[in-house]
Every structure is written in structure tokens, then in C-alpha cells.
Amino acid sequence: MRSKNKKLEKTEPSVFLLESNSLSDEKRGDSEGDVLSRVLHLSRVNTEYYYFRTKRELEKLLNEFQKSTFRYLHIACHGDSDGMATTFDDLSFPELATLLEPFLYRRRIFFSACGMTNPSLARQIFSKSDCLSIMGPADNE
């Protein structure tokens, strides 16, 4: 089944930014997503920033993204060639694509996560949703 949010016809060029870090990153105060949100705000780009630690919190925040007319979803987190990590949960690409599917109709997703943005992730997301594009770093650094 394709995305359930087909009523969304117009989106605005705004960024809905979600972030999850490891406990050690939290302890050091590393918060790439928060910094990105502030830079975008200074550039007069409308943003909303939320921090999450679990898959359950991610699900609730994705529902907030769906209610918005924001075009861009940006997820800053840890990941690798097989999946994504929240502070307390790991999600495989198939699990992540299934979770994201209802929220990506005619929208674009960005990842700030090492090693995640690869053909495997793209196949999973594009096969399950009407996402327009996926962007993220091309290497593991």
C-alpha cells in the first residue's frame, strides 16, 4: 500500500528536523541537528526541531511531521550500511522504510548519518513510499 497522506497537495519549503544521538554524544553536548536548525533559522528557513531517543518517540514525531505542510524531513542520527540507530533502539532499513512510508508522500528526506545513505536504503524507501528524493552523506565520515 502506498502513502496514506495523499491529501497533501501543497507543501512549503520548510525543514522538520529530528535528531537522536548516542548517550556519549548527549553527554558531550553534540547536537548536529540543533545547530543545523539554528543555522537554517538564521537563514530565514522555517524549521521545527525535535530530539527523540526511541523508536516510539520517532513514530509520534513523524505523526507531527505528517500534520505539517513541511516538505523536508531531516533525520540526524547514527547509522551504518544496514540501518539506523536511535539512542536506545536500532532500526533495520526494511523496518525504517515501513515506519516512514505513510509520511513521505511527495516529500523529501535527508539523513545526517554515516553510511546510511546507500542504494539499500533507497530501494527500501522508494519501493514502499512516494518519497521524491533521499539525500545524505556518500561516505562513512
Protein backbone atom coordinates (compact mmCIF):
# COMPACT_ATOMS: atom_id res chain seq x y z
CA MET A 1 0.00 0.00 0.00
CA ARG A 2 1.28 3.46 -0.87
CA SER A 3 1.32 6.54 1.35
CA LYS A 4 -1.88 7.41 3.16
CA ASN A 5 -1.22 11.16 3.15
CA LYS A 6 -2.28 11.76 -0.47
CA LYS A 7 -4.44 14.72 0.57
CA LEU A 8 -1.26 16.75 1.00
CA GLU A 9 -1.12 18.62 -2.30
CA LYS A 10 0.98 21.65 -1.41
CA THR A 11 3.99 21.72 0.82
CA GLU A 12 6.11 24.62 1.96
CA PRO A 13 9.93 24.65 1.69
CA SER A 14 10.38 24.14 5.42
CA VAL A 15 12.51 21.63 7.33
CA PHE A 16 11.17 19.29 10.01
CA LEU A 17 14.32 18.22 11.81
CA LEU A 18 14.53 15.15 14.04
CA GLU A 19 17.63 14.11 15.96
CA SER A 20 18.76 11.17 18.06
CA ASN A 21 22.26 10.64 19.43
CA SER A 22 24.17 8.09 21.46
CA LEU A 23 24.40 8.58 25.21
CA SER A 24 28.05 9.56 24.86
CA ASP A 25 27.14 12.23 22.26
CA GLU A 26 24.45 13.53 24.60
CA LYS A 27 26.94 13.70 27.47
CA ARG A 28 29.37 15.72 25.31
CA GLY A 29 26.56 18.01 24.14
CA ASP A 30 27.00 17.03 20.49
CA SER A 31 23.84 18.10 18.70
CA GLU A 32 24.28 18.49 14.95
CA GLY A 33 20.54 18.73 14.32
CA ASP A 34 20.08 21.57 16.80
CA VAL A 35 22.95 23.51 15.22
CA LEU A 36 21.55 22.92 11.73
CA SER A 37 18.14 24.10 12.89
CA ARG A 38 19.63 27.33 14.23
CA VAL A 39 21.64 27.98 11.06
CA LEU A 40 18.55 27.44 8.92
CA HIS A 41 16.57 29.77 11.20
CA LEU A 42 19.25 32.47 10.79
CA SER A 43 18.90 31.98 7.03
CA ARG A 44 15.16 32.61 7.38
CA VAL A 45 14.23 28.99 6.64
CA ASN A 46 11.23 27.82 8.63
CA THR A 47 12.19 24.84 10.79
CA GLU A 48 10.92 22.72 13.62
CA TYR A 49 13.44 20.75 15.66
CA TYR A 50 12.73 17.77 17.93
CA TYR A 51 15.00 15.39 19.79
CA PHE A 52 13.99 11.75 20.23
CA ARG A 53 15.56 8.74 21.93
CA THR A 54 13.35 5.77 20.97
CA LYS A 55 11.51 4.30 18.01
CA ARG A 56 8.23 5.07 19.79
CA GLU A 57 9.12 8.76 20.11
CA LEU A 58 10.15 8.80 16.44
CA GLU A 59 6.73 7.43 15.47
CA LYS A 60 4.96 10.19 17.41
CA LEU A 61 7.15 12.89 15.86
CA LEU A 62 6.53 11.51 12.36
CA ASN A 63 2.83 11.99 13.03
CA GLU A 64 3.56 15.65 13.82
CA PHE A 65 5.52 15.91 10.56
CA GLN A 66 2.53 14.46 8.70
CA LYS A 67 0.22 17.11 10.18
CA SER A 68 2.54 19.85 8.95
CA THR A 69 2.90 21.12 5.41
CA PHE A 70 6.69 20.92 5.65
CA ARG A 71 8.29 19.49 2.52
CA TYR A 72 11.59 18.33 4.01
CA LEU A 73 12.21 15.75 6.73
CA HIS A 74 15.76 15.72 8.06
CA ILE A 75 16.88 12.97 10.43
CA ALA A 76 20.20 13.42 12.22
CA CYS A 77 21.30 10.20 13.91
CA HIS A 78 23.83 7.39 13.89
CA GLY A 79 23.64 4.68 11.26
CA ASP A 80 25.55 2.25 9.12
CA SER A 81 25.12 0.34 5.87
CA ASP A 82 22.28 -1.76 7.33
CA GLY A 83 20.21 0.55 9.48
CA MET A 84 19.64 3.49 11.75
CA ALA A 85 20.25 3.89 15.47
CA THR A 86 18.32 5.99 17.96
CA THR A 87 19.65 6.50 21.47
CA PHE A 88 18.01 3.25 22.65
CA ASP A 89 16.73 1.41 19.54
CA ASP A 90 18.11 0.10 16.26
CA LEU A 91 16.02 0.02 13.08
CA SER A 92 16.89 -2.05 10.01
CA PHE A 93 16.30 -0.43 6.61
CA PRO A 94 13.15 -2.51 5.97
CA GLU A 95 11.78 -1.55 9.40
CA LEU A 96 12.69 2.11 8.88
CA ALA A 97 11.13 2.21 5.39
CA THR A 98 7.90 0.69 6.73
CA LEU A 99 7.85 3.23 9.56
CA LEU A 100 8.46 6.17 7.18
CA GLU A 101 6.12 5.05 4.37
CA PRO A 102 2.93 6.85 5.45
CA PHE A 103 4.75 10.15 5.95
CA LEU A 104 6.76 10.63 2.76
CA TYR A 105 4.11 11.23 0.08
CA ARG A 106 5.50 13.96 -2.21
CA ARG A 107 8.12 14.87 0.37
CA ARG A 108 11.90 14.68 0.55
CA ILE A 109 14.07 13.11 3.23
CA PHE A 110 17.61 13.95 4.32
CA PHE A 111 19.82 11.90 6.62
CA SER A 112 22.82 13.12 8.61
CA ALA A 113 24.12 9.67 9.42
CA CYS A 114 27.33 7.92 8.50
CA GLY A 115 26.96 5.10 5.98
CA MET A 116 23.17 5.10 5.86
CA THR A 117 22.51 6.85 2.57
CA ASN A 118 23.15 3.98 0.19
CA PRO A 119 21.33 2.00 -2.53
CA SER A 120 19.89 -0.44 0.01
CA LEU A 121 18.15 2.33 1.95
CA ALA A 122 16.96 3.95 -1.28
CA ARG A 123 15.48 0.67 -2.57
CA GLN A 124 13.60 0.12 0.68
CA ILE A 125 12.17 3.65 0.91
CA PHE A 126 11.34 4.11 -2.79
CA SER A 127 9.67 0.67 -3.01
CA LYS A 128 7.36 1.46 -0.08
CA SER A 129 6.59 5.16 -0.46
CA ASP A 130 6.04 8.04 -2.85
CA CYS A 131 9.10 9.87 -1.50
CA LEU A 132 10.52 12.32 -4.04
CA SER A 133 14.19 12.11 -3.02
CA ILE A 134 16.66 10.88 -0.44
CA MET A 135 19.86 12.76 0.39
CA GLY A 136 22.70 12.18 2.78
CA PRO A 137 26.46 11.78 3.05
CA ALA A 138 28.08 9.49 0.48
CA ASP A 139 30.80 8.20 2.81
CA ASN A 140 31.22 6.99 6.36
CA GLU A 141 32.93 10.10 7.72
